[in-house]
Amino acid sequence: MATTSSTLTRERIIGDIAEILQVPVEEIGDDTNVLDVGLDSVRLMSLIERWRAAGAVKADLVALASDPVVGAWVRELTEDAAAAGHTQGADR
């Protein structure tokens, strides 16, 4: 079984959010509440699919929507992706 390493980083998460909202990346910071800047559930689901493909297998709509601040998402998603990469590496 082939393994994929996570490509999910803070920069990628912020870049993806900025892209889907069509705003400059500089407008998105760790303290940005994504609901306040226009992210809706449909766009959030699109982001979740991207992030799952990048290794954040536990990315979840309810979990992310319950704390819609970029910094919290970065912590959760990069920890999730790192754990998934560690688990996949152990399966070799």
PDB file of N, CA and C in Angstrom:
ATOM      1  N   MET A   1       0.839  -1.180   0.000  1.00  0.00           N
ATOM      2  CA  MET A   1       0.000   0.000   0.000  1.00  0.00           C
ATOM      3  C   MET A   1       0.884   1.243   0.000  1.00  0.00           C
ATOM      4  N   ALA A   2       0.653   2.132  -0.921  1.00  0.00           N
ATOM      5  CA  ALA A   2       1.444   3.356  -1.001  1.00  0.00           C
ATOM      6  C   ALA A   2       0.991   4.322   0.081  1.00  0.00           C
ATOM      7  N   THR A   3       1.949   5.043   0.628  1.00  0.00           N
ATOM      8  CA  THR A   3       1.608   6.045   1.630  1.00  0.00           C
ATOM      9  C   THR A   3       1.847   7.417   1.039  1.00  0.00           C
ATOM     10  N   THR A   4       1.081   8.362   1.529  1.00  0.00           N
ATOM     11  CA  THR A   4       1.272   9.733   1.100  1.00  0.00           C
ATOM     12  C   THR A   4       1.603  10.557   2.323  1.00  0.00           C
ATOM     13  N   SER A   5       2.596  11.409   2.195  1.00  0.00           N
ATOM     14  CA  SER A   5       2.922  12.263   3.321  1.00  0.00           C
ATOM     15  C   SER A   5       2.020  13.488   3.272  1.00  0.00           C
ATOM     16  N   SER A   6       1.782  14.041   4.423  1.00  0.00           N
ATOM     17  CA  SER A   6       0.912  15.200   4.515  1.00  0.00           C
ATOM     18  C   SER A   6       1.564  16.410   3.870  1.00  0.00           C
ATOM     19  N   THR A   7       0.768  17.160   3.155  1.00  0.00           N
ATOM     20  CA  THR A   7       1.233  18.419   2.587  1.00  0.00           C
ATOM     21  C   THR A   7       0.489  19.583   3.228  1.00  0.00           C
ATOM     22  N   LEU A   8      -0.168  19.315   4.339  1.00  0.00           N
ATOM     23  CA  LEU A   8      -0.974  20.331   4.996  1.00  0.00           C
ATOM     24  C   LEU A   8      -0.119  21.116   5.987  1.00  0.00           C
ATOM     25  N   THR A   9       0.037  22.398   5.690  1.00  0.00           N
ATOM     26  CA  THR A   9       0.806  23.308   6.531  1.00  0.00           C
ATOM     27  C   THR A   9      -0.055  24.527   6.844  1.00  0.00           C
ATOM     28  N   ARG A  10       0.410  25.333   7.765  1.00  0.00           N
ATOM     29  CA  ARG A  10      -0.293  26.580   8.086  1.00  0.00           C
ATOM     30  C   ARG A  10      -0.471  27.417   6.824  1.00  0.00           C
ATOM     31  N   GLU A  11       0.592  27.539   6.047  1.00  0.00           N
ATOM     32  CA  GLU A  11       0.539  28.354   4.837  1.00  0.00           C
ATOM     33  C   GLU A  11      -0.477  27.805   3.843  1.00  0.00           C
ATOM     34  N   ARG A  12      -0.527  26.496   3.711  1.00  0.00           N
ATOM     35  CA  ARG A  12      -1.486  25.898   2.776  1.00  0.00           C
ATOM     36  C   ARG A  12      -2.916  26.110   3.261  1.00  0.00           C
ATOM     37  N   ILE A  13      -3.160  25.921   4.550  1.00  0.00           N
ATOM     38  CA  ILE A  13      -4.506  26.108   5.093  1.00  0.00           C
ATOM     39  C   ILE A  13      -4.969  27.542   4.865  1.00  0.00           C
ATOM     40  N   ILE A  14      -4.124  28.504   5.214  1.00  0.00           N
ATOM     41  CA  ILE A  14      -4.476  29.913   5.029  1.00  0.00           C
ATOM     42  C   ILE A  14      -4.630  30.229   3.546  1.00  0.00           C
ATOM     43  N   GLY A  15      -3.746  29.710   2.720  1.00  0.00           N
ATOM     44  CA  GLY A  15      -3.847  29.930   1.280  1.00  0.00           C
ATOM     45  C   GLY A  15      -5.130  29.367   0.698  1.00  0.00           C
ATOM     46  N   ASP A  16      -5.512  28.180   1.142  1.00  0.00           N
ATOM     47  CA  ASP A  16      -6.755  27.568   0.667  1.00  0.00           C
ATOM     48  C   ASP A  16      -7.971  28.388   1.082  1.00  0.00           C
ATOM     49  N   ILE A  17      -7.963  28.865   2.327  1.00  0.00           N
ATOM     50  CA  ILE A  17      -9.078  29.694   2.805  1.00  0.00           C
ATOM     51  C   ILE A  17      -9.162  30.976   1.986  1.00  0.00           C
ATOM     52  N   ALA A  18      -8.021  31.635   1.786  1.00  0.00           N
ATOM     53  CA  ALA A  18      -8.001  32.873   1.012  1.00  0.00           C
ATOM     54  C   ALA A  18      -8.478  32.629  -0.419  1.00  0.00           C
ATOM     55  N   GLU A  19      -8.029  31.528  -1.006  1.00  0.00           N
ATOM     56  CA  GLU A  19      -8.428  31.216  -2.380  1.00  0.00           C
ATOM     57  C   GLU A  19      -9.935  31.016  -2.495  1.00  0.00           C
ATOM     58  N   ILE A  20     -10.500  30.234  -1.594  1.00  0.00           N
ATOM     59  CA  ILE A  20     -11.926  29.938  -1.694  1.00  0.00           C
ATOM     60  C   ILE A  20     -12.788  31.167  -1.402  1.00  0.00           C
ATOM     61  N   LEU A  21     -12.255  32.092  -0.584  1.00  0.00           N
ATOM     62  CA  LEU A  21     -12.968  33.336  -0.295  1.00  0.00           C
ATOM     63  C   LEU A  21     -12.649  34.435  -1.302  1.00  0.00           C
ATOM     64  N   GLN A  22     -11.682  34.183  -2.161  1.00  0.00           N
ATOM     65  CA  GLN A  22     -11.234  35.145  -3.170  1.00  0.00           C
ATOM     66  C   GLN A  22     -10.783  36.458  -2.527  1.00  0.00           C
ATOM     67  N   VAL A  23      -9.926  36.306  -1.510  1.00  0.00           N
ATOM     68  CA  VAL A  23      -9.336  37.462  -0.843  1.00  0.00           C
ATOM     69  C   VAL A  23      -7.829  37.270  -0.808  1.00  0.00           C
ATOM     70  N   PRO A  24      -7.067  38.358  -0.668  1.00  0.00           N
ATOM     71  CA  PRO A  24      -5.615  38.211  -0.538  1.00  0.00           C
ATOM     72  C   PRO A  24      -5.265  37.417   0.716  1.00  0.00           C
ATOM     73  N   VAL A  25      -4.247  36.593   0.611  1.00  0.00           N
ATOM     74  CA  VAL A  25      -3.825  35.759   1.738  1.00  0.00           C
ATOM     75  C   VAL A  25      -3.466  36.606   2.955  1.00  0.00           C
ATOM     76  N   GLU A  26      -3.022  37.829   2.732  1.00  0.00           N
ATOM     77  CA  GLU A  26      -2.650  38.723   3.827  1.00  0.00           C
ATOM     78  C   GLU A  26      -3.847  39.087   4.699  1.00  0.00           C
ATOM     79  N   GLU A  27      -5.058  38.927   4.193  1.00  0.00           N
ATOM     80  CA  GLU A  27      -6.257  39.258   4.961  1.00  0.00           C
ATOM     81  C   GLU A  27      -6.676  38.146   5.916  1.00  0.00           C
ATOM     82  N   ILE A  28      -6.007  36.997   5.824  1.00  0.00           N
ATOM     83  CA  ILE A  28      -6.346  35.857   6.672  1.00  0.00           C
ATOM     84  C   ILE A  28      -5.210  35.638   7.665  1.00  0.00           C
ATOM     85  N   GLY A  29      -5.528  35.716   8.943  1.00  0.00           N
ATOM     86  CA  GLY A  29      -4.527  35.495   9.989  1.00  0.00           C
ATOM     87  C   GLY A  29      -5.007  34.461  10.987  1.00  0.00           C
ATOM     88  N   ASP A  30      -4.164  34.140  11.936  1.00  0.00           N
ATOM     89  CA  ASP A  30      -4.512  33.127  12.931  1.00  0.00           C
ATOM     90  C   ASP A  30      -5.749  33.487  13.747  1.00  0.00           C
ATOM     91  N   ASP A  31      -6.009  34.782  13.920  1.00  0.00           N
ATOM     92  CA  ASP A  31      -7.160  35.193  14.723  1.00  0.00           C
ATOM     93  C   ASP A  31      -8.407  35.471  13.889  1.00  0.00           C
ATOM     94  N   THR A  32      -8.361  35.183  12.590  1.00  0.00           N
ATOM     95  CA  THR A  32      -9.503  35.419  11.711  1.00  0.00           C
ATOM     96  C   THR A  32     -10.604  34.400  11.973  1.00  0.00           C
ATOM     97  N   ASN A  33     -11.809  34.901  12.217  1.00  0.00           N
ATOM     98  CA  ASN A  33     -12.983  34.043  12.309  1.00  0.00           C
ATOM     99  C   ASN A  33     -13.511  33.904  10.884  1.00  0.00           C
ATOM    100  N   VAL A  34     -13.439  32.701  10.348  1.00  0.00           N
ATOM    101  CA  VAL A  34     -13.768  32.498   8.936  1.00  0.00           C
ATOM    102  C   VAL A  34     -15.233  32.752   8.630  1.00  0.00           C
ATOM    103  N   LEU A  35     -16.101  32.595   9.608  1.00  0.00           N
ATOM    104  CA  LEU A  35     -17.515  32.890   9.385  1.00  0.00           C
ATOM    105  C   LEU A  35     -17.722  34.390   9.210  1.00  0.00           C
ATOM    106  N   ASP A  36     -16.944  35.183   9.940  1.00  0.00           N
ATOM    107  CA  ASP A  36     -17.048  36.637   9.846  1.00  0.00           C
ATOM    108  C   ASP A  36     -16.567  37.175   8.504  1.00  0.00           C
ATOM    109  N   VAL A  37     -15.707  36.429   7.819  1.00  0.00           N
ATOM    110  CA  VAL A  37     -15.193  36.898   6.529  1.00  0.00           C
ATOM    111  C   VAL A  37     -15.881  36.211   5.349  1.00  0.00           C
ATOM    112  N   GLY A  38     -16.971  35.493   5.615  1.00  0.00           N
ATOM    113  CA  GLY A  38     -17.806  35.005   4.528  1.00  0.00           C
ATOM    114  C   GLY A  38     -17.753  33.529   4.196  1.00  0.00           C
ATOM    115  N   LEU A  39     -17.057  32.731   4.977  1.00  0.00           N
ATOM    116  CA  LEU A  39     -17.022  31.299   4.678  1.00  0.00           C
ATOM    117  C   LEU A  39     -18.353  30.673   5.081  1.00  0.00           C
ATOM    118  N   ASP A  40     -18.965  29.954   4.144  1.00  0.00           N
ATOM    119  CA  ASP A  40     -20.216  29.261   4.432  1.00  0.00           C
ATOM    120  C   ASP A  40     -19.977  27.754   4.444  1.00  0.00           C
ATOM    121  N   SER A  41     -21.006  26.999   4.764  1.00  0.00           N
ATOM    122  CA  SER A  41     -20.850  25.552   4.926  1.00  0.00           C
ATOM    123  C   SER A  41     -20.484  24.847   3.627  1.00  0.00           C
ATOM    124  N   VAL A  42     -20.956  25.339   2.505  1.00  0.00           N
ATOM    125  CA  VAL A  42     -20.627  24.712   1.220  1.00  0.00           C
ATOM    126  C   VAL A  42     -19.137  24.870   0.927  1.00  0.00           C
ATOM    127  N   ARG A  43     -18.628  26.061   1.127  1.00  0.00           N
ATOM    128  CA  ARG A  43     -17.195  26.289   0.901  1.00  0.00           C
ATOM    129  C   ARG A  43     -16.352  25.547   1.935  1.00  0.00           C
ATOM    130  N   LEU A  44     -16.840  25.466   3.157  1.00  0.00           N
ATOM    131  CA  LEU A  44     -16.118  24.714   4.179  1.00  0.00           C
ATOM    132  C   LEU A  44     -16.013  23.246   3.779  1.00  0.00           C
ATOM    133  N   MET A  45     -17.073  22.682   3.238  1.00  0.00           N
ATOM    134  CA  MET A  45     -17.018  21.288   2.787  1.00  0.00           C
ATOM    135  C   MET A  45     -15.992  21.120   1.663  1.00  0.00           C
ATOM    136  N   SER A  46     -15.886  22.089   0.784  1.00  0.00           N
ATOM    137  CA  SER A  46     -14.866  22.035  -0.271  1.00  0.00           C
ATOM    138  C   SER A  46     -13.468  22.032   0.332  1.00  0.00           C
ATOM    139  N   LEU A  47     -13.260  22.880   1.334  1.00  0.00           N
ATOM    140  CA  LEU A  47     -11.962  22.917   2.008  1.00  0.00           C
ATOM    141  C   LEU A  47     -11.673  21.595   2.708  1.00  0.00           C
ATOM    142  N   ILE A  48     -12.671  21.046   3.370  1.00  0.00           N
ATOM    143  CA  ILE A  48     -12.486  19.777   4.079  1.00  0.00           C
ATOM    144  C   ILE A  48     -12.068  18.681   3.110  1.00  0.00           C
ATOM    145  N   GLU A  49     -12.676  18.631   1.944  1.00  0.00           N
ATOM    146  CA  GLU A  49     -12.295  17.620   0.951  1.00  0.00           C
ATOM    147  C   GLU A  49     -10.844  17.802   0.516  1.00  0.00           C
ATOM    148  N   ARG A  50     -10.429  19.044   0.290  1.00  0.00           N
ATOM    149  CA  ARG A  50      -9.022  19.314  -0.059  1.00  0.00           C
ATOM    150  C   ARG A  50      -8.096  18.824   1.040  1.00  0.00           C
ATOM    151  N   TRP A  51      -8.452  19.167   2.269  1.00  0.00           N
ATOM    152  CA  TRP A  51      -7.584  18.864   3.399  1.00  0.00           C
ATOM    153  C   TRP A  51      -7.546  17.376   3.713  1.00  0.00           C
ATOM    154  N   ARG A  52      -8.645  16.701   3.512  1.00  0.00           N
ATOM    155  CA  ARG A  52      -8.631  15.240   3.688  1.00  0.00           C
ATOM    156  C   ARG A  52      -7.695  14.603   2.668  1.00  0.00           C
ATOM    157  N   ALA A  53      -7.746  15.097   1.447  1.00  0.00           N
ATOM    158  CA  ALA A  53      -6.860  14.578   0.403  1.00  0.00           C
ATOM    159  C   ALA A  53      -5.393  14.848   0.733  1.00  0.00           C
ATOM    160  N   ALA A  54      -5.144  15.902   1.522  1.00  0.00           N
ATOM    161  CA  ALA A  54      -3.775  16.260   1.902  1.00  0.00           C
ATOM    162  C   ALA A  54      -3.323  15.570   3.186  1.00  0.00           C
ATOM    163  N   GLY A  55      -4.162  14.735   3.760  1.00  0.00           N
ATOM    164  CA  GLY A  55      -3.750  13.975   4.930  1.00  0.00           C
ATOM    165  C   GLY A  55      -4.509  14.248   6.208  1.00  0.00           C
ATOM    166  N   ALA A  56      -5.386  15.224   6.212  1.00  0.00           N
ATOM    167  CA  ALA A  56      -6.168  15.522   7.422  1.00  0.00           C
ATOM    168  C   ALA A  56      -7.431  14.664   7.414  1.00  0.00           C
ATOM    169  N   VAL A  57      -7.243  13.375   7.618  1.00  0.00           N
ATOM    170  CA  VAL A  57      -8.332  12.415   7.459  1.00  0.00           C
ATOM    171  C   VAL A  57      -9.474  12.625   8.445  1.00  0.00           C
ATOM    172  N   LYS A  58      -9.206  13.271   9.565  1.00  0.00           N
ATOM    173  CA  LYS A  58     -10.257  13.504  10.551  1.00  0.00           C
ATOM    174  C   LYS A  58     -10.884  14.889  10.429  1.00  0.00           C
ATOM    175  N   ALA A  59     -10.573  15.627   9.367  1.00  0.00           N
ATOM    176  CA  ALA A  59     -11.176  16.944   9.172  1.00  0.00           C
ATOM    177  C   ALA A  59     -12.690  16.773   9.143  1.00  0.00           C
ATOM    178  N   ASP A  60     -13.380  17.547   9.963  1.00  0.00           N
ATOM    179  CA  ASP A  60     -14.803  17.335  10.166  1.00  0.00           C
ATOM    180  C   ASP A  60     -15.542  18.668  10.193  1.00  0.00           C
ATOM    181  N   LEU A  61     -16.655  18.736   9.493  1.00  0.00           N
ATOM    182  CA  LEU A  61     -17.444  19.958   9.411  1.00  0.00           C
ATOM    183  C   LEU A  61     -17.844  20.462  10.796  1.00  0.00           C
ATOM    184  N   VAL A  62     -18.396  19.604  11.615  1.00  0.00           N
ATOM    185  CA  VAL A  62     -18.876  20.023  12.936  1.00  0.00           C
ATOM    186  C   VAL A  62     -17.725  20.516  13.807  1.00  0.00           C
ATOM    187  N   ALA A  63     -16.622  19.785  13.810  1.00  0.00           N
ATOM    188  CA  ALA A  63     -15.477  20.180  14.636  1.00  0.00           C
ATOM    189  C   ALA A  63     -14.921  21.531  14.205  1.00  0.00           C
ATOM    190  N   LEU A  64     -14.782  21.735  12.897  1.00  0.00           N
ATOM    191  CA  LEU A  64     -14.224  23.003  12.423  1.00  0.00           C
ATOM    192  C   LEU A  64     -15.215  24.146  12.610  1.00  0.00           C
ATOM    193  N   ALA A  65     -16.487  23.900  12.345  1.00  0.00           N
ATOM    194  CA  ALA A  65     -17.494  24.952  12.490  1.00  0.00           C
ATOM    195  C   ALA A  65     -17.687  25.359  13.950  1.00  0.00           C
ATOM    196  N   SER A  66     -17.406  24.460  14.875  1.00  0.00           N
ATOM    197  CA  SER A  66     -17.590  24.788  16.294  1.00  0.00           C
ATOM    198  C   SER A  66     -16.523  25.750  16.813  1.00  0.00           C
ATOM    199  N   ASP A  67     -15.392  25.842  16.140  1.00  0.00           N
ATOM    200  CA  ASP A  67     -14.324  26.783  16.511  1.00  0.00           C
ATOM    201  C   ASP A  67     -13.763  27.372  15.219  1.00  0.00           C
ATOM    202  N   PRO A  68     -14.492  28.328  14.617  1.00  0.00           N
ATOM    203  CA  PRO A  68     -14.164  28.794  13.266  1.00  0.00           C
ATOM    204  C   PRO A  68     -13.042  29.827  13.176  1.00  0.00           C
ATOM    205  N   VAL A  69     -12.021  29.673  14.002  1.00  0.00           N
ATOM    206  CA  VAL A  69     -10.884  30.593  14.000  1.00  0.00           C
ATOM    207  C   VAL A  69      -9.700  29.894  13.338  1.00  0.00           C
ATOM    208  N   VAL A  70      -9.036  30.585  12.435  1.00  0.00           N
ATOM    209  CA  VAL A  70      -7.969  29.996  11.631  1.00  0.00           C
ATOM    210  C   VAL A  70      -6.903  29.315  12.487  1.00  0.00           C
ATOM    211  N   GLY A  71      -6.442  29.959  13.534  1.00  0.00           N
ATOM    212  CA  GLY A  71      -5.401  29.365  14.373  1.00  0.00           C
ATOM    213  C   GLY A  71      -5.808  28.022  14.958  1.00  0.00           C
ATOM    214  N   ALA A  72      -7.059  27.910  15.375  1.00  0.00           N
ATOM    215  CA  ALA A  72      -7.558  26.637  15.909  1.00  0.00           C
ATOM    216  C   ALA A  72      -7.584  25.579  14.814  1.00  0.00           C
ATOM    217  N   TRP A  73      -7.988  25.971  13.617  1.00  0.00           N
ATOM    218  CA  TRP A  73      -8.008  25.032  12.494  1.00  0.00           C
ATOM    219  C   TRP A  73      -6.602  24.557  12.168  1.00  0.00           C
ATOM    220  N   VAL A  74      -5.653  25.481  12.153  1.00  0.00           N
ATOM    221  CA  VAL A  74      -4.267  25.114  11.840  1.00  0.00           C
ATOM    222  C   VAL A  74      -3.766  24.086  12.846  1.00  0.00           C
ATOM    223  N   ARG A  75      -3.988  24.343  14.122  1.00  0.00           N
ATOM    224  CA  ARG A  75      -3.549  23.381  15.146  1.00  0.00           C
ATOM    225  C   ARG A  75      -4.197  22.017  14.934  1.00  0.00           C
ATOM    226  N   GLU A  76      -5.497  22.007  14.777  1.00  0.00           N
ATOM    227  CA  GLU A  76      -6.209  20.734  14.631  1.00  0.00           C
ATOM    228  C   GLU A  76      -5.807  19.995  13.354  1.00  0.00           C
ATOM    229  N   LEU A  77      -5.754  20.697  12.252  1.00  0.00           N
ATOM    230  CA  LEU A  77      -5.505  20.035  10.970  1.00  0.00           C
ATOM    231  C   LEU A  77      -4.062  19.596  10.797  1.00  0.00           C
ATOM    232  N   THR A  78      -3.110  20.384  11.273  1.00  0.00           N
ATOM    233  CA  THR A  78      -1.719  19.967  11.117  1.00  0.00           C
ATOM    234  C   THR A  78      -1.374  18.856  12.093  1.00  0.00           C
ATOM    235  N   GLU A  79      -1.963  18.866  13.280  1.00  0.00           N
ATOM    236  CA  GLU A  79      -1.760  17.751  14.211  1.00  0.00           C
ATOM    237  C   GLU A  79      -2.381  16.483  13.656  1.00  0.00           C
ATOM    238  N   ASP A  80      -3.573  16.604  13.075  1.00  0.00           N
ATOM    239  CA  ASP A  80      -4.262  15.465  12.476  1.00  0.00           C
ATOM    240  C   ASP A  80      -3.450  14.905  11.320  1.00  0.00           C
ATOM    241  N   ALA A  81      -2.955  15.784  10.462  1.00  0.00           N
ATOM    242  CA  ALA A  81      -2.179  15.337   9.301  1.00  0.00           C
ATOM    243  C   ALA A  81      -0.872  14.693   9.741  1.00  0.00           C
ATOM    244  N   ALA A  82      -0.234  15.260  10.759  1.00  0.00           N
ATOM    245  CA  ALA A  82       1.018  14.678  11.253  1.00  0.00           C
ATOM    246  C   ALA A  82       0.768  13.304  11.858  1.00  0.00           C
ATOM    247  N   ALA A  83      -0.317  13.164  12.599  1.00  0.00           N
ATOM    248  CA  ALA A  83      -0.651  11.867  13.193  1.00  0.00           C
ATOM    249  C   ALA A  83      -0.959  10.842  12.111  1.00  0.00           C
ATOM    250  N   ALA A  84      -1.666  11.251  11.064  1.00  0.00           N
ATOM    251  CA  ALA A  84      -1.983  10.334   9.969  1.00  0.00           C
ATOM    252  C   ALA A  84      -0.712   9.904   9.258  1.00  0.00           C
ATOM    253  N   GLY A  85       0.213  10.833   9.050  1.00  0.00           N
ATOM    254  CA  GLY A  85       1.483  10.496   8.409  1.00  0.00           C
ATOM    255  C   GLY A  85       2.298   9.553   9.263  1.00  0.00           C
ATOM    256  N   HIS A  86       2.289   9.767  10.576  1.00  0.00           N
ATOM    257  CA  HIS A  86       3.020   8.893  11.494  1.00  0.00           C
ATOM    258  C   HIS A  86       2.419   7.498  11.478  1.00  0.00           C
ATOM    259  N   THR A  87       1.105   7.401  11.488  1.00  0.00           N
ATOM    260  CA  THR A  87       0.428   6.105  11.458  1.00  0.00           C
ATOM    261  C   THR A  87       0.699   5.391  10.148  1.00  0.00           C
ATOM    262  N   GLN A  88       0.637   6.121   9.030  1.00  0.00           N
ATOM    263  CA  GLN A  88       0.883   5.505   7.734  1.00  0.00           C
ATOM    264  C   GLN A  88       2.306   4.993   7.655  1.00  0.00           C
ATOM    265  N   GLY A  89       3.251   5.749   8.184  1.00  0.00           N
ATOM    266  CA  GLY A  89       4.644   5.325   8.153  1.00  0.00           C
ATOM    267  C   GLY A  89       4.859   4.066   8.976  1.00  0.00           C
ATOM    268  N   ALA A  90       4.079   3.896  10.035  1.00  0.00           N
ATOM    269  CA  ALA A  90       4.205   2.714  10.885  1.00  0.00           C
ATOM    270  C   ALA A  90       3.648   1.467  10.209  1.00  0.00           C
ATOM    271  N   ASP A  91       2.814   1.649   9.183  1.00  0.00           N
ATOM    272  CA  ASP A  91       2.196   0.524   8.488  1.00  0.00           C
ATOM    273  C   ASP A  91       3.106  -0.123   7.463  1.00  0.00           C
ATOM    274  N   ARG A  92       4.256   0.433   7.229  1.00  0.00           N
ATOM    275  CA  ARG A  92       5.136  -0.083   6.175  1.00  0.00           C
ATOM    276  C   ARG A  92       5.613  -1.465   6.456  1.00  0.00           C
TER     277      ARG A  92
END
